[in-house]
Amino acid sequence: MKITKLETFLVKPRSLFLKIHTDEGLIGLGEPILEGRALTCAQAVAELEPYLVGQDPRRVVHHWQAMYRHAFYRGGPLLTSALSGVEQAL
């Protein structure tokens, strides 16, 4: 099983949802949101997409560690909100 794409859905005024698709037709849903920064979180998720596409979605902890530890700036509310939504969807 491989991740094929990530989709974000902005629900006004300030919610964001994430859908992760796989090549086997399974989807996962998450909510990568930082209050008042939905568009910014959507961009953060988009920047994680190149890493995730082609990966096995069952390796949740591995992916979280890889995305968190290989970021230039670790931590912070924006990155961890994006990672949280991805983790929920996986």
PDB file of N, CA and C in Angstrom:
ATOM      1  N   MET A   1       0.850  -1.169   0.000  1.00  0.00           N
ATOM      2  CA  MET A   1       0.000   0.000   0.000  1.00  0.00           C
ATOM      3  C   MET A   1       0.898   1.235   0.000  1.00  0.00           C
ATOM      4  N   LYS A   2       0.543   2.210  -0.837  1.00  0.00           N
ATOM      5  CA  LYS A   2       1.321   3.447  -0.958  1.00  0.00           C
ATOM      6  C   LYS A   2       0.389   4.660  -0.926  1.00  0.00           C
ATOM      7  N   ILE A   3       0.901   5.748  -0.381  1.00  0.00           N
ATOM      8  CA  ILE A   3       0.173   7.017  -0.401  1.00  0.00           C
ATOM      9  C   ILE A   3       0.275   7.590  -1.807  1.00  0.00           C
ATOM     10  N   THR A   4      -0.862   8.019  -2.360  1.00  0.00           N
ATOM     11  CA  THR A   4      -0.860   8.574  -3.715  1.00  0.00           C
ATOM     12  C   THR A   4      -1.029  10.089  -3.749  1.00  0.00           C
ATOM     13  N   LYS A   5      -1.798  10.645  -2.819  1.00  0.00           N
ATOM     14  CA  LYS A   5      -1.944  12.108  -2.797  1.00  0.00           C
ATOM     15  C   LYS A   5      -2.541  12.570  -1.486  1.00  0.00           C
ATOM     16  N   LEU A   6      -2.339  13.853  -1.222  1.00  0.00           N
ATOM     17  CA  LEU A   6      -2.916  14.519  -0.062  1.00  0.00           C
ATOM     18  C   LEU A   6      -3.822  15.631  -0.574  1.00  0.00           C
ATOM     19  N   GLU A   7      -4.982  15.769   0.026  1.00  0.00           N
ATOM     20  CA  GLU A   7      -5.919  16.845  -0.325  1.00  0.00           C
ATOM     21  C   GLU A   7      -6.300  17.590   0.945  1.00  0.00           C
ATOM     22  N   THR A   8      -6.309  18.903   0.877  1.00  0.00           N
ATOM     23  CA  THR A   8      -6.795  19.695   2.007  1.00  0.00           C
ATOM     24  C   THR A   8      -8.092  20.378   1.605  1.00  0.00           C
ATOM     25  N   PHE A   9      -8.970  20.550   2.586  1.00  0.00           N
ATOM     26  CA  PHE A   9     -10.267  21.178   2.379  1.00  0.00           C
ATOM     27  C   PHE A   9     -10.447  22.272   3.420  1.00  0.00           C
ATOM     28  N   LEU A  10     -10.528  23.501   2.959  1.00  0.00           N
ATOM     29  CA  LEU A  10     -10.758  24.638   3.840  1.00  0.00           C
ATOM     30  C   LEU A  10     -12.258  24.783   4.061  1.00  0.00           C
ATOM     31  N   VAL A  11     -12.664  24.805   5.308  1.00  0.00           N
ATOM     32  CA  VAL A  11     -14.065  25.006   5.669  1.00  0.00           C
ATOM     33  C   VAL A  11     -14.119  26.330   6.406  1.00  0.00           C
ATOM     34  N   LYS A  12     -14.688  27.332   5.757  1.00  0.00           N
ATOM     35  CA  LYS A  12     -14.705  28.673   6.328  1.00  0.00           C
ATOM     36  C   LYS A  12     -15.568  28.710   7.578  1.00  0.00           C
ATOM     37  N   PRO A  13     -15.224  29.487   8.549  1.00  0.00           N
ATOM     38  CA  PRO A  13     -14.233  30.538   8.462  1.00  0.00           C
ATOM     39  C   PRO A  13     -12.816  30.105   8.814  1.00  0.00           C
ATOM     40  N   ARG A  14     -12.615  28.988   9.551  1.00  0.00           N
ATOM     41  CA  ARG A  14     -11.238  28.722   9.978  1.00  0.00           C
ATOM     42  C   ARG A  14     -10.929  27.256  10.266  1.00  0.00           C
ATOM     43  N   SER A  15     -11.544  26.342   9.558  1.00  0.00           N
ATOM     44  CA  SER A  15     -11.250  24.922   9.752  1.00  0.00           C
ATOM     45  C   SER A  15     -10.542  24.367   8.525  1.00  0.00           C
ATOM     46  N   LEU A  16      -9.754  23.340   8.738  1.00  0.00           N
ATOM     47  CA  LEU A  16      -9.028  22.698   7.649  1.00  0.00           C
ATOM     48  C   LEU A  16      -9.059  21.198   7.882  1.00  0.00           C
ATOM     49  N   PHE A  17      -9.347  20.456   6.823  1.00  0.00           N
ATOM     50  CA  PHE A  17      -9.348  19.001   6.900  1.00  0.00           C
ATOM     51  C   PHE A  17      -8.414  18.449   5.842  1.00  0.00           C
ATOM     52  N   LEU A  18      -7.869  17.277   6.117  1.00  0.00           N
ATOM     53  CA  LEU A  18      -6.910  16.626   5.237  1.00  0.00           C
ATOM     54  C   LEU A  18      -7.414  15.236   4.895  1.00  0.00           C
ATOM     55  N   LYS A  19      -7.301  14.878   3.616  1.00  0.00           N
ATOM     56  CA  LYS A  19      -7.636  13.535   3.166  1.00  0.00           C
ATOM     57  C   LYS A  19      -6.388  12.948   2.521  1.00  0.00           C
ATOM     58  N   ILE A  20      -5.945  11.787   3.009  1.00  0.00           N
ATOM     59  CA  ILE A  20      -4.806  11.086   2.425  1.00  0.00           C
ATOM     60  C   ILE A  20      -5.343   9.884   1.660  1.00  0.00           C
ATOM     61  N   HIS A  21      -4.959   9.776   0.384  1.00  0.00           N
ATOM     62  CA  HIS A  21      -5.401   8.691  -0.493  1.00  0.00           C
ATOM     63  C   HIS A  21      -4.300   7.645  -0.646  1.00  0.00           C
ATOM     64  N   THR A  22      -4.712   6.381  -0.826  1.00  0.00           N
ATOM     65  CA  THR A  22      -3.747   5.311  -1.098  1.00  0.00           C
ATOM     66  C   THR A  22      -4.075   4.652  -2.433  1.00  0.00           C
ATOM     67  N   ASP A  23      -3.104   3.890  -2.939  1.00  0.00           N
ATOM     68  CA  ASP A  23      -3.297   3.188  -4.205  1.00  0.00           C
ATOM     69  C   ASP A  23      -4.296   2.039  -4.089  1.00  0.00           C
ATOM     70  N   GLU A  24      -4.672   1.658  -2.887  1.00  0.00           N
ATOM     71  CA  GLU A  24      -5.654   0.593  -2.688  1.00  0.00           C
ATOM     72  C   GLU A  24      -7.056   1.140  -2.448  1.00  0.00           C
ATOM     73  N   GLY A  25      -7.224   2.444  -2.595  1.00  0.00           N
ATOM     74  CA  GLY A  25      -8.533   3.060  -2.453  1.00  0.00           C
ATOM     75  C   GLY A  25      -8.912   3.451  -1.032  1.00  0.00           C
ATOM     76  N   LEU A  26      -8.047   3.193  -0.080  1.00  0.00           N
ATOM     77  CA  LEU A  26      -8.326   3.601   1.296  1.00  0.00           C
ATOM     78  C   LEU A  26      -7.993   5.077   1.467  1.00  0.00           C
ATOM     79  N   ILE A  27      -8.751   5.734   2.325  1.00  0.00           N
ATOM     80  CA  ILE A  27      -8.468   7.136   2.631  1.00  0.00           C
ATOM     81  C   ILE A  27      -8.383   7.311   4.136  1.00  0.00           C
ATOM     82  N   GLY A  28      -7.662   8.335   4.539  1.00  0.00           N
ATOM     83  CA  GLY A  28      -7.577   8.699   5.942  1.00  0.00           C
ATOM     84  C   GLY A  28      -7.923  10.167   6.079  1.00  0.00           C
ATOM     85  N   LEU A  29      -8.518  10.528   7.198  1.00  0.00           N
ATOM     86  CA  LEU A  29      -8.923  11.913   7.433  1.00  0.00           C
ATOM     87  C   LEU A  29      -8.232  12.470   8.674  1.00  0.00           C
ATOM     88  N   GLY A  30      -7.839  13.727   8.598  1.00  0.00           N
ATOM     89  CA  GLY A  30      -7.213  14.400   9.724  1.00  0.00           C
ATOM     90  C   GLY A  30      -7.580  15.874   9.726  1.00  0.00           C
ATOM     91  N   GLU A  31      -7.216  16.556  10.797  1.00  0.00           N
ATOM     92  CA  GLU A  31      -7.514  17.985  10.937  1.00  0.00           C
ATOM     93  C   GLU A  31      -6.237  18.735  11.326  1.00  0.00           C
ATOM     94  N   PRO A  32      -5.475  19.176  10.313  1.00  0.00           N
ATOM     95  CA  PRO A  32      -4.225  19.901  10.587  1.00  0.00           C
ATOM     96  C   PRO A  32      -4.491  21.390  10.771  1.00  0.00           C
ATOM     97  N   ILE A  33      -4.867  21.795  11.947  1.00  0.00           N
ATOM     98  CA  ILE A  33      -5.294  23.185  12.109  1.00  0.00           C
ATOM     99  C   ILE A  33      -4.592  23.865  13.282  1.00  0.00           C
ATOM    100  N   LEU A  34      -4.249  25.102  13.058  1.00  0.00           N
ATOM    101  CA  LEU A  34      -3.788  26.005  14.105  1.00  0.00           C
ATOM    102  C   LEU A  34      -4.764  27.171  14.049  1.00  0.00           C
ATOM    103  N   GLU A  35      -5.435  27.446  15.134  1.00  0.00           N
ATOM    104  CA  GLU A  35      -6.502  28.447  15.152  1.00  0.00           C
ATOM    105  C   GLU A  35      -6.090  29.736  14.463  1.00  0.00           C
ATOM    106  N   GLY A  36      -6.877  30.115  13.466  1.00  0.00           N
ATOM    107  CA  GLY A  36      -6.634  31.354  12.739  1.00  0.00           C
ATOM    108  C   GLY A  36      -5.580  31.253  11.648  1.00  0.00           C
ATOM    109  N   ARG A  37      -5.042  30.064  11.401  1.00  0.00           N
ATOM    110  CA  ARG A  37      -3.973  29.890  10.414  1.00  0.00           C
ATOM    111  C   ARG A  37      -4.257  28.725   9.473  1.00  0.00           C
ATOM    112  N   ALA A  38      -5.498  28.586   9.032  1.00  0.00           N
ATOM    113  CA  ALA A  38      -5.885  27.454   8.187  1.00  0.00           C
ATOM    114  C   ALA A  38      -5.107  27.427   6.873  1.00  0.00           C
ATOM    115  N   LEU A  39      -4.987  28.558   6.197  1.00  0.00           N
ATOM    116  CA  LEU A  39      -4.268  28.587   4.915  1.00  0.00           C
ATOM    117  C   LEU A  39      -2.789  28.285   5.102  1.00  0.00           C
ATOM    118  N   THR A  40      -2.220  28.768   6.175  1.00  0.00           N
ATOM    119  CA  THR A  40      -0.812  28.509   6.463  1.00  0.00           C
ATOM    120  C   THR A  40      -0.595  27.031   6.754  1.00  0.00           C
ATOM    121  N   CYS A  41      -1.512  26.412   7.489  1.00  0.00           N
ATOM    122  CA  CYS A  41      -1.416  24.975   7.762  1.00  0.00           C
ATOM    123  C   CYS A  41      -1.569  24.169   6.475  1.00  0.00           C
ATOM    124  N   ALA A  42      -2.446  24.618   5.586  1.00  0.00           N
ATOM    125  CA  ALA A  42      -2.609  23.924   4.302  1.00  0.00           C
ATOM    126  C   ALA A  42      -1.302  23.938   3.523  1.00  0.00           C
ATOM    127  N   GLN A  43      -0.606  25.058   3.553  1.00  0.00           N
ATOM    128  CA  GLN A  43       0.683  25.147   2.862  1.00  0.00           C
ATOM    129  C   GLN A  43       1.724  24.253   3.534  1.00  0.00           C
ATOM    130  N   ALA A  44       1.706  24.181   4.854  1.00  0.00           N
ATOM    131  CA  ALA A  44       2.641  23.305   5.571  1.00  0.00           C
ATOM    132  C   ALA A  44       2.405  21.845   5.187  1.00  0.00           C
ATOM    133  N   VAL A  45       1.144  21.445   5.073  1.00  0.00           N
ATOM    134  CA  VAL A  45       0.822  20.082   4.644  1.00  0.00           C
ATOM    135  C   VAL A  45       1.309  19.862   3.213  1.00  0.00           C
ATOM    136  N   ALA A  46       1.111  20.846   2.339  1.00  0.00           N
ATOM    137  CA  ALA A  46       1.567  20.727   0.948  1.00  0.00           C
ATOM    138  C   ALA A  46       3.079  20.531   0.878  1.00  0.00           C
ATOM    139  N   GLU A  47       3.802  21.151   1.786  1.00  0.00           N
ATOM    140  CA  GLU A  47       5.257  20.995   1.794  1.00  0.00           C
ATOM    141  C   GLU A  47       5.686  19.619   2.300  1.00  0.00           C
ATOM    142  N   LEU A  48       4.828  18.928   3.030  1.00  0.00           N
ATOM    143  CA  LEU A  48       5.121  17.571   3.493  1.00  0.00           C
ATOM    144  C   LEU A  48       4.760  16.519   2.444  1.00  0.00           C
ATOM    145  N   GLU A  49       3.915  16.894   1.486  1.00  0.00           N
ATOM    146  CA  GLU A  49       3.416  15.936   0.493  1.00  0.00           C
ATOM    147  C   GLU A  49       4.509  15.229  -0.304  1.00  0.00           C
ATOM    148  N   PRO A  50       5.545  15.920  -0.798  1.00  0.00           N
ATOM    149  CA  PRO A  50       6.571  15.202  -1.572  1.00  0.00           C
ATOM    150  C   PRO A  50       7.229  14.064  -0.789  1.00  0.00           C
ATOM    151  N   TYR A  51       7.382  14.232   0.506  1.00  0.00           N
ATOM    152  CA  TYR A  51       7.937  13.150   1.322  1.00  0.00           C
ATOM    153  C   TYR A  51       6.951  11.984   1.423  1.00  0.00           C
ATOM    154  N   LEU A  52       5.672  12.278   1.630  1.00  0.00           N
ATOM    155  CA  LEU A  52       4.691  11.238   1.923  1.00  0.00           C
ATOM    156  C   LEU A  52       4.253  10.427   0.711  1.00  0.00           C
ATOM    157  N   VAL A  53       4.154  11.045  -0.453  1.00  0.00           N
ATOM    158  CA  VAL A  53       3.688  10.321  -1.642  1.00  0.00           C
ATOM    159  C   VAL A  53       4.672   9.198  -1.965  1.00  0.00           C
ATOM    160  N   GLY A  54       4.121   8.008  -2.120  1.00  0.00           N
ATOM    161  CA  GLY A  54       4.930   6.828  -2.398  1.00  0.00           C
ATOM    162  C   GLY A  54       5.305   6.032  -1.158  1.00  0.00           C
ATOM    163  N   GLN A  55       5.022   6.580   0.023  1.00  0.00           N
ATOM    164  CA  GLN A  55       5.364   5.913   1.283  1.00  0.00           C
ATOM    165  C   GLN A  55       4.234   4.978   1.737  1.00  0.00           C
ATOM    166  N   ASP A  56       4.580   4.039   2.598  1.00  0.00           N
ATOM    167  CA  ASP A  56       3.618   3.126   3.210  1.00  0.00           C
ATOM    168  C   ASP A  56       2.920   3.864   4.361  1.00  0.00           C
ATOM    169  N   PRO A  57       1.594   4.035   4.305  1.00  0.00           N
ATOM    170  CA  PRO A  57       0.902   4.804   5.347  1.00  0.00           C
ATOM    171  C   PRO A  57       0.860   4.106   6.702  1.00  0.00           C
ATOM    172  N   ARG A  58       1.223   2.844   6.753  1.00  0.00           N
ATOM    173  CA  ARG A  58       1.170   2.114   8.026  1.00  0.00           C
ATOM    174  C   ARG A  58       2.356   2.417   8.931  1.00  0.00           C
ATOM    175  N   ARG A  59       3.360   3.104   8.440  1.00  0.00           N
ATOM    176  CA  ARG A  59       4.557   3.424   9.235  1.00  0.00           C
ATOM    177  C   ARG A  59       4.409   4.814   9.870  1.00  0.00           C
ATOM    178  N   VAL A  60       3.384   4.981  10.654  1.00  0.00           N
ATOM    179  CA  VAL A  60       2.996   6.287  11.191  1.00  0.00           C
ATOM    180  C   VAL A  60       4.112   6.931  12.018  1.00  0.00           C
ATOM    181  N   VAL A  61       4.647   6.216  12.979  1.00  0.00           N
ATOM    182  CA  VAL A  61       5.672   6.787  13.863  1.00  0.00           C
ATOM    183  C   VAL A  61       6.933   7.121  13.072  1.00  0.00           C
ATOM    184  N   HIS A  62       7.313   6.249  12.159  1.00  0.00           N
ATOM    185  CA  HIS A  62       8.496   6.503  11.326  1.00  0.00           C
ATOM    186  C   HIS A  62       8.331   7.809  10.543  1.00  0.00           C
ATOM    187  N   HIS A  63       7.176   7.977   9.906  1.00  0.00           N
ATOM    188  CA  HIS A  63       6.943   9.189   9.104  1.00  0.00           C
ATOM    189  C   HIS A  63       6.920  10.435   9.979  1.00  0.00           C
ATOM    190  N   TRP A  64       6.280  10.349  11.135  1.00  0.00           N
ATOM    191  CA  TRP A  64       6.230  11.514  12.026  1.00  0.00           C
ATOM    192  C   TRP A  64       7.643  11.925  12.410  1.00  0.00           C
ATOM    193  N   GLN A  65       8.452  10.965  12.821  1.00  0.00           N
ATOM    194  CA  GLN A  65       9.829  11.265  13.222  1.00  0.00           C
ATOM    195  C   GLN A  65      10.632  11.843  12.058  1.00  0.00           C
ATOM    196  N   ALA A  66      10.485  11.260  10.879  1.00  0.00           N
ATOM    197  CA  ALA A  66      11.236  11.739   9.711  1.00  0.00           C
ATOM    198  C   ALA A  66      10.856  13.174   9.365  1.00  0.00           C
ATOM    199  N   MET A  67       9.564  13.481   9.352  1.00  0.00           N
ATOM    200  CA  MET A  67       9.128  14.830   8.986  1.00  0.00           C
ATOM    201  C   MET A  67       9.503  15.845  10.060  1.00  0.00           C
ATOM    202  N   TYR A  68       9.404  15.463  11.315  1.00  0.00           N
ATOM    203  CA  TYR A  68       9.713  16.386  12.408  1.00  0.00           C
ATOM    204  C   TYR A  68      11.215  16.633  12.517  1.00  0.00           C
ATOM    205  N   ARG A  69      11.992  15.584  12.488  1.00  0.00           N
ATOM    206  CA  ARG A  69      13.433  15.707  12.717  1.00  0.00           C
ATOM    207  C   ARG A  69      14.198  16.256  11.520  1.00  0.00           C
ATOM    208  N   HIS A  70      13.636  16.166  10.332  1.00  0.00           N
ATOM    209  CA  HIS A  70      14.337  16.671   9.154  1.00  0.00           C
ATOM    210  C   HIS A  70      13.888  18.071   8.744  1.00  0.00           C
ATOM    211  N   ALA A  71      13.026  18.671   9.536  1.00  0.00           N
ATOM    212  CA  ALA A  71      12.627  20.054   9.267  1.00  0.00           C
ATOM    213  C   ALA A  71      13.765  20.984   9.688  1.00  0.00           C
ATOM    214  N   PHE A  72      13.952  22.053   8.938  1.00  0.00           N
ATOM    215  CA  PHE A  72      15.018  23.001   9.267  1.00  0.00           C
ATOM    216  C   PHE A  72      14.785  23.597  10.648  1.00  0.00           C
ATOM    217  N   TYR A  73      13.532  24.031  10.888  1.00  0.00           N
ATOM    218  CA  TYR A  73      13.150  24.523  12.217  1.00  0.00           C
ATOM    219  C   TYR A  73      12.250  23.476  12.849  1.00  0.00           C
ATOM    220  N   ARG A  74      12.724  22.838  13.890  1.00  0.00           N
ATOM    221  CA  ARG A  74      11.927  21.805  14.548  1.00  0.00           C
ATOM    222  C   ARG A  74      10.924  22.435  15.494  1.00  0.00           C
ATOM    223  N   GLY A  75       9.796  21.745  15.613  1.00  0.00           N
ATOM    224  CA  GLY A  75       8.792  22.161  16.579  1.00  0.00           C
ATOM    225  C   GLY A  75       8.015  23.370  16.122  1.00  0.00           C
ATOM    226  N   GLY A  76       7.451  24.045  17.065  1.00  0.00           N
ATOM    227  CA  GLY A  76       6.623  25.200  16.759  1.00  0.00           C
ATOM    228  C   GLY A  76       5.197  24.767  16.495  1.00  0.00           C
ATOM    229  N   PRO A  77       4.266  25.668  16.735  1.00  0.00           N
ATOM    230  CA  PRO A  77       2.860  25.299  16.616  1.00  0.00           C
ATOM    231  C   PRO A  77       2.418  24.968  15.193  1.00  0.00           C
ATOM    232  N   LEU A  78       2.987  25.615  14.204  1.00  0.00           N
ATOM    233  CA  LEU A  78       2.549  25.370  12.834  1.00  0.00           C
ATOM    234  C   LEU A  78       2.960  23.988  12.345  1.00  0.00           C
ATOM    235  N   LEU A  79       4.236  23.659  12.475  1.00  0.00           N
ATOM    236  CA  LEU A  79       4.706  22.348  12.024  1.00  0.00           C
ATOM    237  C   LEU A  79       4.024  21.224  12.792  1.00  0.00           C
ATOM    238  N   THR A  80       3.916  21.359  14.097  1.00  0.00           N
ATOM    239  CA  THR A  80       3.303  20.278  14.866  1.00  0.00           C
ATOM    240  C   THR A  80       1.806  20.154  14.583  1.00  0.00           C
ATOM    241  N   SER A  81       1.138  21.241  14.238  1.00  0.00           N
ATOM    242  CA  SER A  81      -0.273  21.158  13.845  1.00  0.00           C
ATOM    243  C   SER A  81      -0.418  20.412  12.523  1.00  0.00           C
ATOM    244  N   ALA A  82       0.449  20.719  11.567  1.00  0.00           N
ATOM    245  CA  ALA A  82       0.422  20.015  10.279  1.00  0.00           C
ATOM    246  C   ALA A  82       0.731  18.533  10.482  1.00  0.00           C
ATOM    247  N   LEU A  83       1.747  18.231  11.281  1.00  0.00           N
ATOM    248  CA  LEU A  83       2.106  16.836  11.546  1.00  0.00           C
ATOM    249  C   LEU A  83       0.989  16.098  12.271  1.00  0.00           C
ATOM    250  N   SER A  84       0.301  16.785  13.155  1.00  0.00           N
ATOM    251  CA  SER A  84      -0.805  16.175  13.883  1.00  0.00           C
ATOM    252  C   SER A  84      -1.922  15.755  12.933  1.00  0.00           C
ATOM    253  N   GLY A  85      -2.258  16.624  11.997  1.00  0.00           N
ATOM    254  CA  GLY A  85      -3.290  16.286  11.018  1.00  0.00           C
ATOM    255  C   GLY A  85      -2.888  15.118  10.135  1.00  0.00           C
ATOM    256  N   VAL A  86      -1.616  15.085   9.733  1.00  0.00           N
ATOM    257  CA  VAL A  86      -1.114  13.966   8.932  1.00  0.00           C
ATOM    258  C   VAL A  86      -1.181  12.680   9.752  1.00  0.00           C
ATOM    259  N   GLU A  87      -0.750  12.750  11.004  1.00  0.00           N
ATOM    260  CA  GLU A  87      -0.765  11.568  11.870  1.00  0.00           C
ATOM    261  C   GLU A  87      -2.191  11.037  12.046  1.00  0.00           C
ATOM    262  N   GLN A  88      -3.158  11.932  12.219  1.00  0.00           N
ATOM    263  CA  GLN A  88      -4.556  11.508  12.344  1.00  0.00           C
ATOM    264  C   GLN A  88      -5.016  10.791  11.079  1.00  0.00           C
ATOM    265  N   ALA A  89      -4.648  11.345   9.930  1.00  0.00           N
ATOM    266  CA  ALA A  89      -5.097  10.784   8.657  1.00  0.00           C
ATOM    267  C   ALA A  89      -4.425   9.450   8.338  1.00  0.00           C
ATOM    268  N   LEU A  90      -3.205   9.257   8.831  1.00  0.00           N
ATOM    269  CA  LEU A  90      -2.536   7.977   8.586  1.00  0.00           C
ATOM    270  C   LEU A  90      -3.176   6.896   9.439  1.00  0.00           C
TER     271      LEU A  90
END
